[in-house]
Amino acid sequence: MFKSKQRSIVIPQSEHLRLAGTLAFLWGNKDYELPDVDHLSLVTGVGMHDRGYGVLDVAPVGEVSEADWIEITRRGFYMRWSDPVADLIAKNHLLRLASHGQSPDRKSISVEFGQIIRQMINQYQFSEALFARIDRITDFCDSIAFDFCFEQSAEGNVVLFPRNNENTETPTQYTVTKGTIRAAPWPFSVTNYRGYITGYQLNGYPEVLDPVLIPWELSIE
């Protein structure tokens, strides 16, 4: 769960995932091609990338122990979906997260996860490079949703591959300011979109669920 930096509310990981999945659903235009996979598989994989937390988690981002984080990540990695494309998108995301640390446990699960992903890639005769490119999209959508859920201004960038058949990499920036998400260059299929996610009052959560709706806007301007 995310603890707001502005007020006493929390946002479950499941709502963070919903925002990331919505961004993936809106992905693609003449400059940023959709990956050559089923669109709903892409949205499922990106929209459920941190699937080990459950619906109303009590694991505060930045506060959970390394051991608890590894348990959650391992649980998410070993979930198995009938859609292998969506499953591999989620698994690649978790491998990337595991590879960020230098602890022996993280190094160990990185090797373990990598071996399983390669086995699945071979089993289904997929392209490893394709899923590496898709993981950049996951990273971008996840980063925006991650920063948004702290309710504070943030910015970042992810290097993306805009064209499916080209190796040109494009640093793509985003900003999150007062509930508005912007990006440059613009990778989405619409120029404006509004939605909301649901947080809850921290006091009593998760036994007492007092909802707080949090509007967001995706805007090219």
C-alpha atoms as a PDB file:
ATOM      1  CA  MET A   1       0.000   0.000   0.000  1.00  0.00           C
ATOM      2  CA  PHE A   2       1.018   3.612  -0.564  1.00  0.00           C
ATOM      3  CA  LYS A   3       0.841   6.147   2.252  1.00  0.00           C
ATOM      4  CA  SER A   4      -0.029   9.583   0.933  1.00  0.00           C
ATOM      5  CA  LYS A   5       2.588  12.261   1.557  1.00  0.00           C
ATOM      6  CA  GLN A   6      -0.195  14.861   1.828  1.00  0.00           C
ATOM      7  CA  ARG A   7      -2.851  13.348   4.080  1.00  0.00           C
ATOM      8  CA  SER A   8      -3.732  10.399   6.260  1.00  0.00           C
ATOM      9  CA  ILE A   9      -4.909   7.981   3.584  1.00  0.00           C
ATOM     10  CA  VAL A  10      -3.553   4.823   1.996  1.00  0.00           C
ATOM     11  CA  ILE A  11      -3.869   3.543  -1.554  1.00  0.00           C
ATOM     12  CA  PRO A  12      -3.735  -0.252  -1.985  1.00  0.00           C
ATOM     13  CA  GLN A  13      -1.415  -1.790  -4.523  1.00  0.00           C
ATOM     14  CA  SER A  14      -4.502  -3.004  -6.391  1.00  0.00           C
ATOM     15  CA  GLU A  15      -5.503   0.607  -7.135  1.00  0.00           C
ATOM     16  CA  HIS A  16      -1.956   1.455  -8.185  1.00  0.00           C
ATOM     17  CA  LEU A  17      -2.214  -1.467 -10.599  1.00  0.00           C
ATOM     18  CA  ARG A  18      -5.533  -0.225 -11.939  1.00  0.00           C
ATOM     19  CA  LEU A  19      -3.986   3.124 -12.846  1.00  0.00           C
ATOM     20  CA  ALA A  20      -0.989   1.462 -14.511  1.00  0.00           C
ATOM     21  CA  GLY A  21      -3.303  -0.836 -16.454  1.00  0.00           C
ATOM     22  CA  THR A  22      -5.433   2.074 -17.637  1.00  0.00           C
ATOM     23  CA  LEU A  23      -2.317   3.817 -18.964  1.00  0.00           C
ATOM     24  CA  ALA A  24      -1.401   0.621 -20.808  1.00  0.00           C
ATOM     25  CA  PHE A  25      -4.935   0.411 -22.199  1.00  0.00           C
ATOM     26  CA  LEU A  26      -4.498   3.927 -23.623  1.00  0.00           C
ATOM     27  CA  TRP A  27      -1.027   3.208 -25.019  1.00  0.00           C
ATOM     28  CA  GLY A  28      -0.061   3.733 -28.641  1.00  0.00           C
ATOM     29  CA  ASN A  29      -0.293   6.253 -31.487  1.00  0.00           C
ATOM     30  CA  LYS A  30       1.400   7.000 -34.813  1.00  0.00           C
ATOM     31  CA  ASP A  31       4.706   7.689 -33.049  1.00  0.00           C
ATOM     32  CA  TYR A  32       4.539   4.965 -30.385  1.00  0.00           C
ATOM     33  CA  GLU A  33       3.387   1.677 -31.861  1.00  0.00           C
ATOM     34  CA  LEU A  34       1.575  -0.907 -29.808  1.00  0.00           C
ATOM     35  CA  PRO A  35       3.713  -4.025 -29.260  1.00  0.00           C
ATOM     36  CA  ASP A  36       2.967  -6.954 -31.523  1.00  0.00           C
ATOM     37  CA  VAL A  37       0.944  -8.872 -28.918  1.00  0.00           C
ATOM     38  CA  ASP A  38      -2.749  -9.032 -28.114  1.00  0.00           C
ATOM     39  CA  HIS A  39      -3.765  -5.660 -26.681  1.00  0.00           C
ATOM     40  CA  LEU A  40      -5.682  -7.095 -23.729  1.00  0.00           C
ATOM     41  CA  SER A  41      -2.743  -9.356 -22.892  1.00  0.00           C
ATOM     42  CA  LEU A  42      -0.577  -6.240 -22.710  1.00  0.00           C
ATOM     43  CA  VAL A  43      -3.086  -4.487 -20.470  1.00  0.00           C
ATOM     44  CA  THR A  44      -3.460  -7.523 -18.215  1.00  0.00           C
ATOM     45  CA  GLY A  45       0.288  -7.937 -17.789  1.00  0.00           C
ATOM     46  CA  VAL A  46       0.942  -4.260 -17.088  1.00  0.00           C
ATOM     47  CA  GLY A  47      -2.220  -3.850 -15.042  1.00  0.00           C
ATOM     48  CA  MET A  48      -1.391  -6.773 -12.747  1.00  0.00           C
ATOM     49  CA  HIS A  49       2.390  -6.453 -12.655  1.00  0.00           C
ATOM     50  CA  ASP A  50       2.669  -6.452  -8.839  1.00  0.00           C
ATOM     51  CA  ARG A  51       0.202  -9.272  -8.379  1.00  0.00           C
ATOM     52  CA  GLY A  52       1.550 -10.739  -5.156  1.00  0.00           C
ATOM     53  CA  TYR A  53       0.034  -8.143  -2.823  1.00  0.00           C
ATOM     54  CA  GLY A  54      -3.653  -8.999  -3.039  1.00  0.00           C
ATOM     55  CA  VAL A  55      -6.552  -6.560  -3.015  1.00  0.00           C
ATOM     56  CA  LEU A  56      -6.222  -4.721   0.318  1.00  0.00           C
ATOM     57  CA  ASP A  57      -2.569  -5.118   1.224  1.00  0.00           C
ATOM     58  CA  VAL A  58      -0.928  -3.918   4.429  1.00  0.00           C
ATOM     59  CA  ALA A  59       2.645  -3.738   3.138  1.00  0.00           C
ATOM     60  CA  PRO A  60       3.642  -0.044   3.110  1.00  0.00           C
ATOM     61  CA  VAL A  61       5.882   0.831   0.177  1.00  0.00           C
ATOM     62  CA  GLY A  62       9.344   1.716   1.463  1.00  0.00           C
ATOM     63  CA  GLU A  63       8.695   0.244   4.902  1.00  0.00           C
ATOM     64  CA  VAL A  64       8.425  -3.521   4.381  1.00  0.00           C
ATOM     65  CA  SER A  65      11.430  -5.622   5.321  1.00  0.00           C
ATOM     66  CA  GLU A  66      13.595  -7.188   2.654  1.00  0.00           C
ATOM     67  CA  ALA A  67      12.423 -10.643   3.712  1.00  0.00           C
ATOM     68  CA  ASP A  68       8.749  -9.663   3.412  1.00  0.00           C
ATOM     69  CA  TRP A  69       9.360  -7.992   0.047  1.00  0.00           C
ATOM     70  CA  ILE A  70      11.020 -11.115  -1.316  1.00  0.00           C
ATOM     71  CA  GLU A  71       8.150 -13.272  -0.054  1.00  0.00           C
ATOM     72  CA  ILE A  72       5.596 -11.018  -1.778  1.00  0.00           C
ATOM     73  CA  THR A  73       7.637 -10.858  -4.976  1.00  0.00           C
ATOM     74  CA  ARG A  74       8.185 -14.593  -5.090  1.00  0.00           C
ATOM     75  CA  ARG A  75       4.470 -15.182  -4.509  1.00  0.00           C
ATOM     76  CA  GLY A  76       3.634 -12.879  -7.393  1.00  0.00           C
ATOM     77  CA  PHE A  77       6.210 -14.436  -9.697  1.00  0.00           C
ATOM     78  CA  TYR A  78       4.964 -17.981  -9.170  1.00  0.00           C
ATOM     79  CA  MET A  79       1.344 -17.136  -9.856  1.00  0.00           C
ATOM     80  CA  ARG A  80       0.492 -18.684 -13.199  1.00  0.00           C
ATOM     81  CA  TRP A  81      -2.022 -17.328 -15.687  1.00  0.00           C
ATOM     82  CA  SER A  82      -3.569 -19.112 -18.639  1.00  0.00           C
ATOM     83  CA  ASP A  83      -2.445 -16.198 -20.842  1.00  0.00           C
ATOM     84  CA  PRO A  84       1.331 -16.738 -21.258  1.00  0.00           C
ATOM     85  CA  VAL A  85       1.892 -13.265 -22.750  1.00  0.00           C
ATOM     86  CA  ALA A  86       0.344 -11.471 -19.768  1.00  0.00           C
ATOM     87  CA  ASP A  87       2.093 -13.883 -17.425  1.00  0.00           C
ATOM     88  CA  LEU A  88       5.505 -13.159 -18.954  1.00  0.00           C
ATOM     89  CA  ILE A  89       4.941  -9.402 -18.842  1.00  0.00           C
ATOM     90  CA  ALA A  90       4.289  -9.625 -15.093  1.00  0.00           C
ATOM     91  CA  LYS A  91       7.199 -12.007 -14.553  1.00  0.00           C
ATOM     92  CA  ASN A  92       9.636  -9.757 -16.425  1.00  0.00           C
ATOM     93  CA  HIS A  93       8.599  -6.820 -14.276  1.00  0.00           C
ATOM     94  CA  LEU A  94       9.284  -8.782 -11.094  1.00  0.00           C
ATOM     95  CA  LEU A  95      12.648  -9.912 -12.445  1.00  0.00           C
ATOM     96  CA  ARG A  96      13.585  -6.280 -13.107  1.00  0.00           C
ATOM     97  CA  LEU A  97      12.634  -5.296  -9.557  1.00  0.00           C
ATOM     98  CA  ALA A  98      14.603  -8.182  -8.085  1.00  0.00           C
ATOM     99  CA  SER A  99      17.670  -7.252 -10.111  1.00  0.00           C
ATOM    100  CA  HIS A 100      17.802  -3.745  -8.633  1.00  0.00           C
ATOM    101  CA  GLY A 101      19.278  -4.950  -5.351  1.00  0.00           C
ATOM    102  CA  GLN A 102      22.690  -6.393  -4.560  1.00  0.00           C
ATOM    103  CA  SER A 103      21.782  -8.558  -1.585  1.00  0.00           C
ATOM    104  CA  PRO A 104      22.485 -12.302  -1.892  1.00  0.00           C
ATOM    105  CA  ASP A 105      18.755 -13.052  -1.724  1.00  0.00           C
ATOM    106  CA  ARG A 106      17.966 -10.653  -4.569  1.00  0.00           C
ATOM    107  CA  LYS A 107      20.788 -11.992  -6.680  1.00  0.00           C
ATOM    108  CA  SER A 108      19.556 -15.521  -6.049  1.00  0.00           C
ATOM    109  CA  ILE A 109      15.941 -14.863  -7.032  1.00  0.00           C
ATOM    110  CA  SER A 110      17.099 -12.877 -10.072  1.00  0.00           C
ATOM    111  CA  VAL A 111      18.917 -15.941 -11.366  1.00  0.00           C
ATOM    112  CA  GLU A 112      15.947 -18.152 -10.480  1.00  0.00           C
ATOM    113  CA  PHE A 113      13.421 -15.855 -12.161  1.00  0.00           C
ATOM    114  CA  GLY A 114      15.580 -15.408 -15.247  1.00  0.00           C
ATOM    115  CA  GLN A 115      15.872 -19.152 -15.788  1.00  0.00           C
ATOM    116  CA  ILE A 116      12.108 -19.660 -15.572  1.00  0.00           C
ATOM    117  CA  ILE A 117      11.405 -16.778 -17.951  1.00  0.00           C
ATOM    118  CA  ARG A 118      13.838 -18.189 -20.514  1.00  0.00           C
ATOM    119  CA  GLN A 119      12.179 -21.583 -20.223  1.00  0.00           C
ATOM    120  CA  MET A 120       8.766 -20.041 -20.900  1.00  0.00           C
ATOM    121  CA  ILE A 121      10.117 -17.986 -23.806  1.00  0.00           C
ATOM    122  CA  ASN A 122      11.475 -21.171 -25.365  1.00  0.00           C
ATOM    123  CA  GLN A 123       8.364 -23.189 -24.566  1.00  0.00           C
ATOM    124  CA  TYR A 124       6.057 -20.760 -26.367  1.00  0.00           C
ATOM    125  CA  GLN A 125       8.623 -19.776 -29.020  1.00  0.00           C
ATOM    126  CA  PHE A 126       8.380 -16.116 -28.112  1.00  0.00           C
ATOM    127  CA  SER A 127      10.918 -13.391 -28.731  1.00  0.00           C
ATOM    128  CA  GLU A 128      12.975 -12.461 -25.682  1.00  0.00           C
ATOM    129  CA  ALA A 129      13.664  -9.054 -27.242  1.00  0.00           C
ATOM    130  CA  LEU A 130       9.937  -8.384 -27.633  1.00  0.00           C
ATOM    131  CA  PHE A 131       9.296  -8.886 -23.935  1.00  0.00           C
ATOM    132  CA  ALA A 132      12.322  -6.769 -23.030  1.00  0.00           C
ATOM    133  CA  ARG A 133      10.779  -3.933 -25.054  1.00  0.00           C
ATOM    134  CA  ILE A 134       7.372  -4.426 -23.478  1.00  0.00           C
ATOM    135  CA  ASP A 135       8.985  -4.268 -20.049  1.00  0.00           C
ATOM    136  CA  ARG A 136      10.006  -0.687 -20.826  1.00  0.00           C
ATOM    137  CA  ILE A 137       6.297   0.120 -21.256  1.00  0.00           C
ATOM    138  CA  THR A 138       5.506  -1.649 -17.987  1.00  0.00           C
ATOM    139  CA  ASP A 139       8.226   0.372 -16.282  1.00  0.00           C
ATOM    140  CA  PHE A 140       6.841   3.632 -17.679  1.00  0.00           C
ATOM    141  CA  CYS A 141       3.212   2.979 -16.684  1.00  0.00           C
ATOM    142  CA  ASP A 142       4.254   1.583 -13.313  1.00  0.00           C
ATOM    143  CA  SER A 143       6.517   4.551 -12.553  1.00  0.00           C
ATOM    144  CA  ILE A 144       3.738   7.048 -13.232  1.00  0.00           C
ATOM    145  CA  ALA A 145       1.223   5.116 -11.119  1.00  0.00           C
ATOM    146  CA  PHE A 146       3.814   4.613  -8.373  1.00  0.00           C
ATOM    147  CA  ASP A 147       4.583   8.313  -8.098  1.00  0.00           C
ATOM    148  CA  PHE A 148       0.920   9.323  -8.386  1.00  0.00           C
ATOM    149  CA  CYS A 149      -0.071   7.168  -5.415  1.00  0.00           C
ATOM    150  CA  PHE A 150       2.161   9.167  -3.054  1.00  0.00           C
ATOM    151  CA  GLU A 151       0.148  12.298  -3.895  1.00  0.00           C
ATOM    152  CA  GLN A 152       3.156  14.496  -4.441  1.00  0.00           C
ATOM    153  CA  SER A 153       4.733  16.131  -7.487  1.00  0.00           C
ATOM    154  CA  ALA A 154       7.202  13.895  -9.288  1.00  0.00           C
ATOM    155  CA  GLU A 155       8.951  13.426 -12.594  1.00  0.00           C
ATOM    156  CA  GLY A 156      10.946  10.723 -14.308  1.00  0.00           C
ATOM    157  CA  ASN A 157      11.792   9.166 -17.631  1.00  0.00           C
ATOM    158  CA  VAL A 158      12.065   5.736 -19.202  1.00  0.00           C
ATOM    159  CA  VAL A 159      13.894   4.961 -22.433  1.00  0.00           C
ATOM    160  CA  LEU A 160      11.360   3.343 -24.792  1.00  0.00           C
ATOM    161  CA  PHE A 161      11.376   1.728 -28.228  1.00  0.00           C
ATOM    162  CA  PRO A 162       8.637   3.643 -30.103  1.00  0.00           C
ATOM    163  CA  ARG A 163       8.799   1.571 -33.323  1.00  0.00           C
ATOM    164  CA  ASN A 164       8.404  -2.195 -33.324  1.00  0.00           C
ATOM    165  CA  ASN A 165      10.849  -2.824 -36.160  1.00  0.00           C
ATOM    166  CA  GLU A 166      13.448  -0.227 -35.229  1.00  0.00           C
ATOM    167  CA  ASN A 167      16.109  -0.132 -32.538  1.00  0.00           C
ATOM    168  CA  THR A 168      15.903   3.622 -31.958  1.00  0.00           C
ATOM    169  CA  GLU A 169      15.485   4.371 -28.249  1.00  0.00           C
ATOM    170  CA  THR A 170      13.611   7.462 -27.118  1.00  0.00           C
ATOM    171  CA  PRO A 171      13.841   8.872 -23.578  1.00  0.00           C
ATOM    172  CA  THR A 172      10.217   9.535 -22.650  1.00  0.00           C
ATOM    173  CA  GLN A 173       9.567  11.860 -19.744  1.00  0.00           C
ATOM    174  CA  TYR A 174       6.581  12.144 -17.454  1.00  0.00           C
ATOM    175  CA  THR A 175       5.435  14.515 -14.747  1.00  0.00           C
ATOM    176  CA  VAL A 176       2.807  14.121 -12.053  1.00  0.00           C
ATOM    177  CA  THR A 177       1.528  17.422 -10.657  1.00  0.00           C
ATOM    178  CA  LYS A 178      -1.642  17.982  -8.632  1.00  0.00           C
ATOM    179  CA  GLY A 179      -3.332  14.898 -10.027  1.00  0.00           C
ATOM    180  CA  THR A 180      -2.403  15.602 -13.654  1.00  0.00           C
ATOM    181  CA  ILE A 181      -0.164  13.238 -15.618  1.00  0.00           C
ATOM    182  CA  ARG A 182       1.796  14.559 -18.603  1.00  0.00           C
ATOM    183  CA  ALA A 183       4.371  12.949 -20.886  1.00  0.00           C
ATOM    184  CA  ALA A 184       6.775  14.060 -23.620  1.00  0.00           C
ATOM    185  CA  PRO A 185       7.016  12.774 -26.250  1.00  0.00           C
ATOM    186  CA  TRP A 186       3.370  11.699 -26.016  1.00  0.00           C
ATOM    187  CA  PRO A 187       2.929   7.880 -26.153  1.00  0.00           C
ATOM    188  CA  PHE A 188      -0.830   7.588 -25.635  1.00  0.00           C
ATOM    189  CA  SER A 189      -3.771   7.160 -28.019  1.00  0.00           C
ATOM    190  CA  VAL A 190      -5.797  10.037 -26.537  1.00  0.00           C
ATOM    191  CA  THR A 191      -4.849  13.615 -25.709  1.00  0.00           C
ATOM    192  CA  ASN A 192      -6.952  13.782 -22.565  1.00  0.00           C
ATOM    193  CA  TYR A 193      -8.474  11.217 -20.241  1.00  0.00           C
ATOM    194  CA  ARG A 194      -9.933  11.358 -16.749  1.00  0.00           C
ATOM    195  CA  GLY A 195     -10.366   8.648 -14.176  1.00  0.00           C
ATOM    196  CA  TYR A 196     -10.039   7.939 -10.481  1.00  0.00           C
ATOM    197  CA  ILE A 197      -8.564   5.488  -8.056  1.00  0.00           C
ATOM    198  CA  THR A 198      -9.746   4.666  -4.562  1.00  0.00           C
ATOM    199  CA  GLY A 199      -7.843   5.245  -1.356  1.00  0.00           C
ATOM    200  CA  TYR A 200      -8.941   4.715   2.230  1.00  0.00           C
ATOM    201  CA  GLN A 201      -8.606   6.588   5.469  1.00  0.00           C
ATOM    202  CA  LEU A 202      -5.515   5.257   7.236  1.00  0.00           C
ATOM    203  CA  ASN A 203      -7.236   5.039  10.602  1.00  0.00           C
ATOM    204  CA  GLY A 204      -8.767   1.565  10.860  1.00  0.00           C
ATOM    205  CA  TYR A 205      -7.550   0.284   7.479  1.00  0.00           C
ATOM    206  CA  PRO A 206      -8.101  -2.461   6.329  1.00  0.00           C
ATOM    207  CA  GLU A 207     -10.662  -3.582   8.915  1.00  0.00           C
ATOM    208  CA  VAL A 208     -12.569  -0.319   8.525  1.00  0.00           C
ATOM    209  CA  LEU A 209     -12.786   0.855   4.906  1.00  0.00           C
ATOM    210  CA  ASP A 210     -13.610   4.548   4.661  1.00  0.00           C
ATOM    211  CA  PRO A 211     -13.119   5.316   0.942  1.00  0.00           C
ATOM    212  CA  VAL A 212     -11.593   8.433  -0.577  1.00  0.00           C
ATOM    213  CA  LEU A 213     -11.863   8.906  -4.336  1.00  0.00           C
ATOM    214  CA  ILE A 214      -8.737  10.337  -5.969  1.00  0.00           C
ATOM    215  CA  PRO A 215      -9.315  11.840  -9.431  1.00  0.00           C
ATOM    216  CA  TRP A 216      -6.555  11.823 -12.021  1.00  0.00           C
ATOM    217  CA  GLU A 217      -6.185  13.349 -15.440  1.00  0.00           C
ATOM    218  CA  LEU A 218      -3.973  12.378 -18.349  1.00  0.00           C
ATOM    219  CA  SER A 219      -3.314  15.487 -20.434  1.00  0.00           C
ATOM    220  CA  ILE A 220      -1.109  16.348 -23.388  1.00  0.00           C
ATOM    221  CA  GLU A 221      -1.253  20.041 -22.462  1.00  0.00           C
END
